[in-house]
Amino acid sequence: MDHTYKHIELTGSSAESSDQAVQNAIAKASKTLKNLHWFEVTDTRGYIDEGGVKYWQVTIKVGFRIED
């Protein structure tokens, strides 16, 4: 079956890790978007405070299938 996908860009953040920042972005998006299928990390950055990483920000492209 042929499908059509749309993709959007999101930025998630986390004080825990870059992986958790991705999870946070996907969890939030899944509350309002249907048919999420894939993600691609496009940018990773963080905030440094007092010599350590304070939090992570990860920008991702998320693809979802457009319903027929």
N, C-alpha and C. Protein backbone atom coordinates (compact mmCIF):
# COMPACT_ATOMS: atom_id res chain seq x y z
N MET A 1 0.84 -1.17 0.00
CA MET A 1 0.00 0.00 0.00
C MET A 1 0.89 1.24 0.00
N ASP A 2 0.51 2.21 -0.79
CA ASP A 2 1.26 3.47 -0.87
C ASP A 2 0.80 4.42 0.23
N HIS A 3 1.76 5.11 0.84
CA HIS A 3 1.43 6.06 1.89
C HIS A 3 2.07 7.40 1.58
N THR A 4 1.52 8.44 2.15
CA THR A 4 2.10 9.77 2.08
C THR A 4 2.43 10.21 3.50
N TYR A 5 3.60 10.80 3.66
CA TYR A 5 4.05 11.23 4.98
C TYR A 5 4.30 12.73 5.00
N LYS A 6 4.08 13.32 6.13
CA LYS A 6 4.43 14.71 6.37
C LYS A 6 5.46 14.71 7.48
N HIS A 7 6.36 15.68 7.47
CA HIS A 7 7.29 15.77 8.59
C HIS A 7 7.30 17.19 9.14
N ILE A 8 7.53 17.25 10.44
CA ILE A 8 7.61 18.52 11.15
C ILE A 8 8.89 18.53 11.97
N GLU A 9 9.27 19.71 12.40
CA GLU A 9 10.47 19.84 13.21
C GLU A 9 10.07 20.20 14.64
N LEU A 10 10.67 19.52 15.61
CA LEU A 10 10.40 19.76 17.02
C LEU A 10 11.73 19.89 17.76
N THR A 11 11.71 20.59 18.88
CA THR A 11 12.87 20.63 19.76
C THR A 11 12.41 20.23 21.15
N GLY A 12 13.00 19.17 21.67
CA GLY A 12 12.71 18.72 23.03
C GLY A 12 13.87 19.07 23.94
N SER A 13 13.57 19.18 25.23
CA SER A 13 14.63 19.48 26.19
C SER A 13 14.52 18.56 27.40
N SER A 14 15.65 18.42 28.09
CA SER A 14 15.70 17.58 29.28
C SER A 14 16.94 17.93 30.09
N ALA A 15 16.78 17.90 31.39
CA ALA A 15 17.94 18.06 32.28
C ALA A 15 18.68 16.74 32.44
N GLU A 16 18.06 15.64 32.02
CA GLU A 16 18.62 14.30 32.21
C GLU A 16 19.61 13.89 31.12
N SER A 17 19.17 13.96 29.84
CA SER A 17 20.03 13.48 28.74
C SER A 17 19.47 13.91 27.39
N SER A 18 20.30 13.77 26.36
CA SER A 18 19.82 14.06 25.01
C SER A 18 18.77 13.05 24.58
N ASP A 19 18.94 11.79 24.96
CA ASP A 19 17.93 10.77 24.64
C ASP A 19 16.58 11.11 25.28
N GLN A 20 16.60 11.58 26.51
CA GLN A 20 15.35 11.95 27.18
C GLN A 20 14.72 13.17 26.52
N ALA A 21 15.53 14.08 25.99
CA ALA A 21 14.99 15.23 25.27
C ALA A 21 14.21 14.78 24.03
N VAL A 22 14.73 13.77 23.32
CA VAL A 22 14.02 13.20 22.17
C VAL A 22 12.71 12.57 22.64
N GLN A 23 12.78 11.76 23.69
CA GLN A 23 11.58 11.11 24.23
C GLN A 23 10.52 12.15 24.63
N ASN A 24 10.95 13.23 25.25
CA ASN A 24 10.01 14.26 25.68
C ASN A 24 9.31 14.91 24.49
N ALA A 25 10.06 15.21 23.44
CA ALA A 25 9.47 15.82 22.24
C ALA A 25 8.45 14.88 21.59
N ILE A 26 8.80 13.60 21.47
CA ILE A 26 7.90 12.63 20.83
C ILE A 26 6.66 12.40 21.69
N ALA A 27 6.84 12.30 23.00
CA ALA A 27 5.69 12.09 23.89
C ALA A 27 4.71 13.25 23.80
N LYS A 28 5.22 14.46 23.76
CA LYS A 28 4.35 15.64 23.66
C LYS A 28 3.64 15.67 22.32
N ALA A 29 4.36 15.41 21.23
CA ALA A 29 3.76 15.43 19.90
C ALA A 29 2.70 14.35 19.74
N SER A 30 2.92 13.20 20.36
CA SER A 30 1.98 12.09 20.21
C SER A 30 0.63 12.37 20.87
N LYS A 31 0.56 13.39 21.71
CA LYS A 31 -0.72 13.76 22.32
C LYS A 31 -1.67 14.42 21.34
N THR A 32 -1.12 15.04 20.28
CA THR A 32 -1.97 15.76 19.32
C THR A 32 -1.84 15.26 17.88
N LEU A 33 -0.81 14.46 17.59
CA LEU A 33 -0.60 13.96 16.24
C LEU A 33 -0.82 12.45 16.19
N LYS A 34 -1.38 11.98 15.09
CA LYS A 34 -1.60 10.55 14.90
C LYS A 34 -0.57 9.98 13.93
N ASN A 35 -0.40 8.68 13.98
CA ASN A 35 0.39 7.94 12.99
C ASN A 35 1.86 8.35 12.93
N LEU A 36 2.45 8.68 14.08
CA LEU A 36 3.89 8.99 14.10
C LEU A 36 4.66 7.73 13.70
N HIS A 37 5.65 7.88 12.81
CA HIS A 37 6.36 6.71 12.29
C HIS A 37 7.87 6.76 12.45
N TRP A 38 8.47 7.91 12.36
CA TRP A 38 9.93 7.96 12.40
C TRP A 38 10.39 9.31 12.92
N PHE A 39 11.67 9.34 13.35
CA PHE A 39 12.29 10.62 13.70
C PHE A 39 13.75 10.60 13.26
N GLU A 40 14.26 11.80 13.06
CA GLU A 40 15.66 11.99 12.68
C GLU A 40 16.22 13.14 13.50
N VAL A 41 17.31 12.91 14.21
CA VAL A 41 17.95 13.98 14.98
C VAL A 41 18.70 14.88 14.01
N THR A 42 18.39 16.19 14.06
CA THR A 42 19.04 17.14 13.16
C THR A 42 20.00 18.08 13.88
N ASP A 43 19.84 18.22 15.21
CA ASP A 43 20.70 19.12 15.95
C ASP A 43 20.68 18.76 17.44
N THR A 44 21.82 18.83 18.06
CA THR A 44 21.92 18.60 19.50
C THR A 44 22.73 19.74 20.09
N ARG A 45 22.20 20.31 21.15
CA ARG A 45 22.93 21.38 21.83
C ARG A 45 22.56 21.33 23.31
N GLY A 46 23.29 22.08 24.11
CA GLY A 46 23.01 22.08 25.53
C GLY A 46 23.39 23.39 26.17
N TYR A 47 23.03 23.50 27.41
CA TYR A 47 23.32 24.69 28.20
C TYR A 47 24.29 24.29 29.31
N ILE A 48 25.36 25.05 29.43
CA ILE A 48 26.39 24.78 30.43
C ILE A 48 26.25 25.79 31.57
N ASP A 49 26.31 25.26 32.79
CA ASP A 49 26.24 26.13 33.97
C ASP A 49 27.20 25.58 35.02
N GLU A 50 28.04 26.45 35.55
CA GLU A 50 29.00 26.08 36.59
C GLU A 50 29.84 24.87 36.22
N GLY A 51 30.30 24.83 34.99
CA GLY A 51 31.20 23.78 34.53
C GLY A 51 30.56 22.46 34.19
N GLY A 52 29.24 22.38 34.15
CA GLY A 52 28.55 21.13 33.82
C GLY A 52 27.36 21.37 32.92
N VAL A 53 26.85 20.31 32.35
CA VAL A 53 25.68 20.39 31.48
C VAL A 53 24.44 20.59 32.34
N LYS A 54 23.74 21.68 32.11
CA LYS A 54 22.52 22.00 32.87
C LYS A 54 21.30 21.32 32.23
N TYR A 55 21.21 21.40 30.90
CA TYR A 55 20.15 20.69 30.19
C TYR A 55 20.50 20.54 28.73
N TRP A 56 19.82 19.61 28.09
CA TRP A 56 20.01 19.27 26.68
C TRP A 56 18.82 19.78 25.87
N GLN A 57 19.09 20.18 24.62
CA GLN A 57 18.05 20.49 23.65
C GLN A 57 18.37 19.69 22.39
N VAL A 58 17.40 18.95 21.89
CA VAL A 58 17.59 18.15 20.69
C VAL A 58 16.49 18.48 19.69
N THR A 59 16.89 18.85 18.49
CA THR A 59 15.92 19.14 17.43
C THR A 59 15.81 17.89 16.56
N ILE A 60 14.56 17.52 16.29
CA ILE A 60 14.29 16.31 15.50
C ILE A 60 13.27 16.63 14.42
N LYS A 61 13.35 15.89 13.33
CA LYS A 61 12.28 15.85 12.34
C LYS A 61 11.46 14.62 12.67
N VAL A 62 10.15 14.78 12.72
CA VAL A 62 9.24 13.66 13.01
C VAL A 62 8.33 13.47 11.81
N GLY A 63 8.27 12.22 11.33
CA GLY A 63 7.41 11.90 10.20
C GLY A 63 6.16 11.18 10.65
N PHE A 64 5.03 11.57 10.07
CA PHE A 64 3.78 10.87 10.36
C PHE A 64 3.00 10.64 9.08
N ARG A 65 2.28 9.54 9.06
CA ARG A 65 1.51 9.15 7.87
C ARG A 65 0.22 9.96 7.80
N ILE A 66 -0.06 10.50 6.64
CA ILE A 66 -1.32 11.21 6.42
C ILE A 66 -2.39 10.15 6.15
N GLU A 67 -3.51 10.27 6.87
CA GLU A 67 -4.59 9.29 6.75
C GLU A 67 -5.23 9.40 5.38
N ASP A 68 -5.70 8.24 4.88
CA ASP A 68 -6.40 8.21 3.59
C ASP A 68 -7.80 8.74 3.73
